[in-house]
Amino acid sequence: MAILAQVLANVPTAPLRHLLQLAPGHVPDKAMAAVITQLLRGQPLKERLGVLAGRRISLFITDLGRELRLRITASGVASGWEAGADRPWDVRIRGRFEDFWRMAIGVEDPDTLFFQRRLSIEGEVETGHTLKNLLNAHEYDWRAHFNAVLDALAAPLPRRRFR
C-alpha cells in the first residue's frame, strides 16, 4: 500500500479539484458514495461502520467552498442529500482539498491532520471520534477487495463440476 500511496501522492489533483468545483448539484456526493461503497467491498471496516449506520457526515472542502454530504448505511455509504432530511449532518469535517486527498490515499493519518488543525470536526463528538478511530485503524486490504469483487462477478455464472 505504501507504494500505491507514493504513486497517488504524485498524481496531479487539479482535474479532480475542477470536477468537484464544476459538477452540478449533488453529483459529487453520489459519485463519492458509490466509490466508497465499492472500495468497502471485502474490507473489515464495512462491518465496523454499522455502529454509525444512519449518521450523516459532511465533508466541507474549504478551499473549494464545496460540501459533500454522505450517509452511512448498513451496506456502505449513500448520498446524504435526501429530500426532507430534518438535519443536514451529524458530523462535519472541514479542511482543504489537499488534506482530504492526502488522508484518503494514506499519505497522512487522520490524527496528524486533526492535531495540526488542518482538519477539524464539529457536531456529535462521539460520532466524530468513532469515525476518526475507524479511519485511523483501517489498513486497506487490496487482496480482500479484489477477492470480494471477483466472487461477486463469478456468482451468477453456472457452476460446473470438473473431474
Protein backbone atom coordinates (compact mmCIF):
# COMPACT_ATOMS: atom_id res chain seq x y z
CA MET A 1 0.00 0.00 0.00
CA ALA A 2 2.87 2.36 0.67
CA ILE A 3 3.96 2.18 -2.97
CA LEU A 4 0.43 2.97 -4.19
CA ALA A 5 0.20 5.89 -1.75
CA GLN A 6 3.52 7.23 -3.03
CA VAL A 7 2.31 6.99 -6.63
CA LEU A 8 -1.03 8.66 -5.84
CA ALA A 9 0.73 11.39 -3.85
CA ASN A 10 2.44 12.44 -7.09
CA VAL A 11 -0.71 12.39 -9.25
CA PRO A 12 -1.84 15.88 -10.25
CA THR A 13 -5.04 16.65 -8.34
CA ALA A 14 -6.12 19.65 -10.45
CA PRO A 15 -8.52 17.64 -12.65
CA LEU A 16 -10.31 16.20 -9.61
CA ARG A 17 -10.46 19.63 -7.99
CA HIS A 18 -12.05 21.09 -11.15
CA LEU A 19 -14.56 18.24 -11.35
CA LEU A 20 -15.62 18.91 -7.76
CA GLN A 21 -15.98 22.62 -8.45
CA LEU A 22 -17.87 22.29 -11.72
CA ALA A 23 -20.06 19.24 -11.14
CA PRO A 24 -23.74 20.18 -10.86
CA GLY A 25 -25.87 19.65 -7.79
CA HIS A 26 -25.28 16.53 -5.78
CA VAL A 27 -23.41 14.57 -8.46
CA PRO A 28 -20.14 14.59 -6.45
CA ASP A 29 -21.94 13.25 -3.35
CA LYS A 30 -23.48 10.38 -5.31
CA ALA A 31 -20.19 9.61 -7.06
CA MET A 32 -18.24 9.71 -3.78
CA ALA A 33 -20.79 7.44 -2.09
CA ALA A 34 -20.58 4.94 -4.95
CA VAL A 35 -16.76 4.92 -4.92
CA ILE A 36 -16.57 4.50 -1.13
CA THR A 37 -19.18 1.71 -1.15
CA GLN A 38 -17.26 -0.07 -3.90
CA LEU A 39 -13.95 0.29 -2.06
CA LEU A 40 -15.51 -1.12 1.13
CA ARG A 41 -16.16 -4.47 -0.55
CA GLY A 42 -14.20 -7.15 1.28
CA GLN A 43 -12.98 -4.77 3.98
CA PRO A 44 -13.48 -5.44 7.71
CA LEU A 45 -14.20 -1.71 8.05
CA LYS A 46 -17.53 -2.26 6.27
CA GLU A 47 -18.86 -4.33 9.18
CA ARG A 48 -17.48 -1.93 11.77
CA LEU A 49 -19.23 1.00 10.09
CA GLY A 50 -22.53 -0.50 11.24
CA VAL A 51 -22.15 1.33 14.54
CA LEU A 52 -22.55 4.57 12.57
CA ALA A 53 -25.46 3.45 10.33
CA GLY A 54 -27.87 6.32 9.74
CA ARG A 55 -25.34 9.02 10.61
CA ARG A 56 -24.82 11.86 8.16
CA ILE A 57 -21.29 13.06 7.51
CA SER A 58 -20.44 16.37 5.84
CA LEU A 59 -17.04 16.87 4.23
CA PHE A 60 -16.64 20.61 3.77
CA ILE A 61 -13.77 21.37 1.42
CA THR A 62 -12.90 24.88 2.50
CA ASP A 63 -10.70 25.95 -0.42
CA LEU A 64 -13.32 24.82 -2.95
CA GLY A 65 -16.35 26.02 -0.99
CA ARG A 66 -17.91 22.61 -1.66
CA GLU A 67 -19.76 20.38 0.77
CA LEU A 68 -20.12 16.65 0.25
CA ARG A 69 -22.81 15.01 2.33
CA LEU A 70 -22.74 11.29 2.91
CA ARG A 71 -24.95 8.97 4.92
CA ILE A 72 -23.60 5.75 6.38
CA THR A 73 -25.85 2.77 5.71
CA ALA A 74 -25.80 -0.90 6.63
CA SER A 75 -24.40 -1.71 3.18
CA GLY A 76 -21.96 1.16 2.72
CA VAL A 77 -22.39 4.85 2.02
CA ALA A 78 -25.11 6.84 0.25
CA SER A 79 -25.61 10.46 -0.68
CA GLY A 80 -26.73 12.47 2.34
CA TRP A 81 -28.90 14.90 0.38
CA GLU A 82 -32.24 13.13 0.80
CA ALA A 83 -35.34 15.21 0.33
CA GLY A 84 -36.97 16.15 3.60
CA ALA A 85 -33.93 15.47 5.76
CA ASP A 86 -34.58 17.26 9.04
CA ARG A 87 -30.90 17.85 9.74
CA PRO A 88 -28.11 18.31 7.23
CA TRP A 89 -25.38 16.40 9.11
CA ASP A 90 -24.40 14.79 12.40
CA VAL A 91 -20.67 15.40 11.94
CA ARG A 92 -18.90 17.89 9.72
CA ILE A 93 -15.23 17.58 8.85
CA ARG A 94 -13.66 20.73 7.44
CA GLY A 95 -10.40 21.02 5.61
CA ARG A 96 -8.58 21.82 2.41
CA PHE A 97 -8.84 19.54 -0.62
CA GLU A 98 -5.17 18.59 -0.41
CA ASP A 99 -5.51 17.43 3.20
CA PHE A 100 -8.58 15.29 2.44
CA TRP A 101 -6.71 13.82 -0.56
CA ARG A 102 -3.59 13.01 1.49
CA MET A 103 -5.73 11.32 4.15
CA ALA A 104 -7.73 9.36 1.55
CA ILE A 105 -4.67 7.94 -0.18
CA GLY A 106 -2.94 7.10 3.09
CA VAL A 107 -0.04 9.55 2.91
CA GLU A 108 -1.10 11.23 6.18
CA ASP A 109 -3.10 9.75 9.01
CA PRO A 110 -6.20 11.47 10.35
CA ASP A 111 -4.67 12.11 13.80
CA THR A 112 -1.82 14.13 12.32
CA LEU A 113 -4.22 16.23 10.25
CA PHE A 114 -6.53 16.86 13.21
CA PHE A 115 -3.75 17.61 15.70
CA GLN A 116 -2.17 20.06 13.26
CA ARG A 117 -5.63 21.64 12.86
CA ARG A 118 -5.57 21.05 9.11
CA LEU A 119 -8.84 19.14 9.52
CA SER A 120 -11.47 19.96 12.11
CA ILE A 121 -14.56 18.14 13.35
CA GLU A 122 -17.77 19.69 14.58
CA GLY A 123 -21.10 18.20 15.60
CA GLU A 124 -21.65 14.99 17.53
CA VAL A 125 -18.37 14.43 19.32
CA GLU A 126 -18.88 10.69 19.86
CA THR A 127 -19.76 10.06 16.20
CA GLY A 128 -16.79 12.12 15.04
CA HIS A 129 -14.46 10.33 17.41
CA THR A 130 -15.74 6.90 16.32
CA LEU A 131 -15.34 7.81 12.65
CA LYS A 132 -11.81 9.14 13.20
CA ASN A 133 -10.81 6.00 15.10
CA LEU A 134 -12.23 3.73 12.38
CA LEU A 135 -10.30 5.60 9.72
CA ASN A 136 -7.14 5.59 11.83
CA ALA A 137 -7.26 1.84 12.48
CA HIS A 138 -8.10 0.83 8.91
CA GLU A 139 -5.40 -0.79 6.83
CA TYR A 140 -6.77 -1.26 3.31
CA ASP A 141 -6.62 -4.87 2.10
CA TRP A 142 -6.49 -4.84 -1.71
CA ARG A 143 -6.42 -8.63 -1.92
CA ALA A 144 -9.65 -8.93 0.09
CA HIS A 145 -11.24 -6.23 -2.06
CA PHE A 146 -10.33 -7.96 -5.34
CA ASN A 147 -11.48 -11.32 -3.98
CA ALA A 148 -14.86 -9.85 -2.97
CA VAL A 149 -15.30 -8.23 -6.38
CA LEU A 150 -14.28 -11.37 -8.26
CA ASP A 151 -16.57 -13.53 -6.10
CA ALA A 152 -19.49 -11.21 -6.88
CA LEU A 153 -18.70 -11.31 -10.61
CA ALA A 154 -18.44 -15.10 -10.63
CA ALA A 155 -21.60 -15.71 -8.58
CA PRO A 156 -24.08 -15.53 -11.50
CA LEU A 157 -22.00 -17.91 -13.63
CA PRO A 158 -23.18 -21.52 -13.76
CA ARG A 159 -21.04 -23.81 -11.69
CA ARG A 160 -19.67 -26.84 -13.49
CA ARG A 161 -18.09 -29.84 -11.95
CA PHE A 162 -14.75 -30.87 -13.27
CA ARG A 163 -13.47 -34.36 -12.73
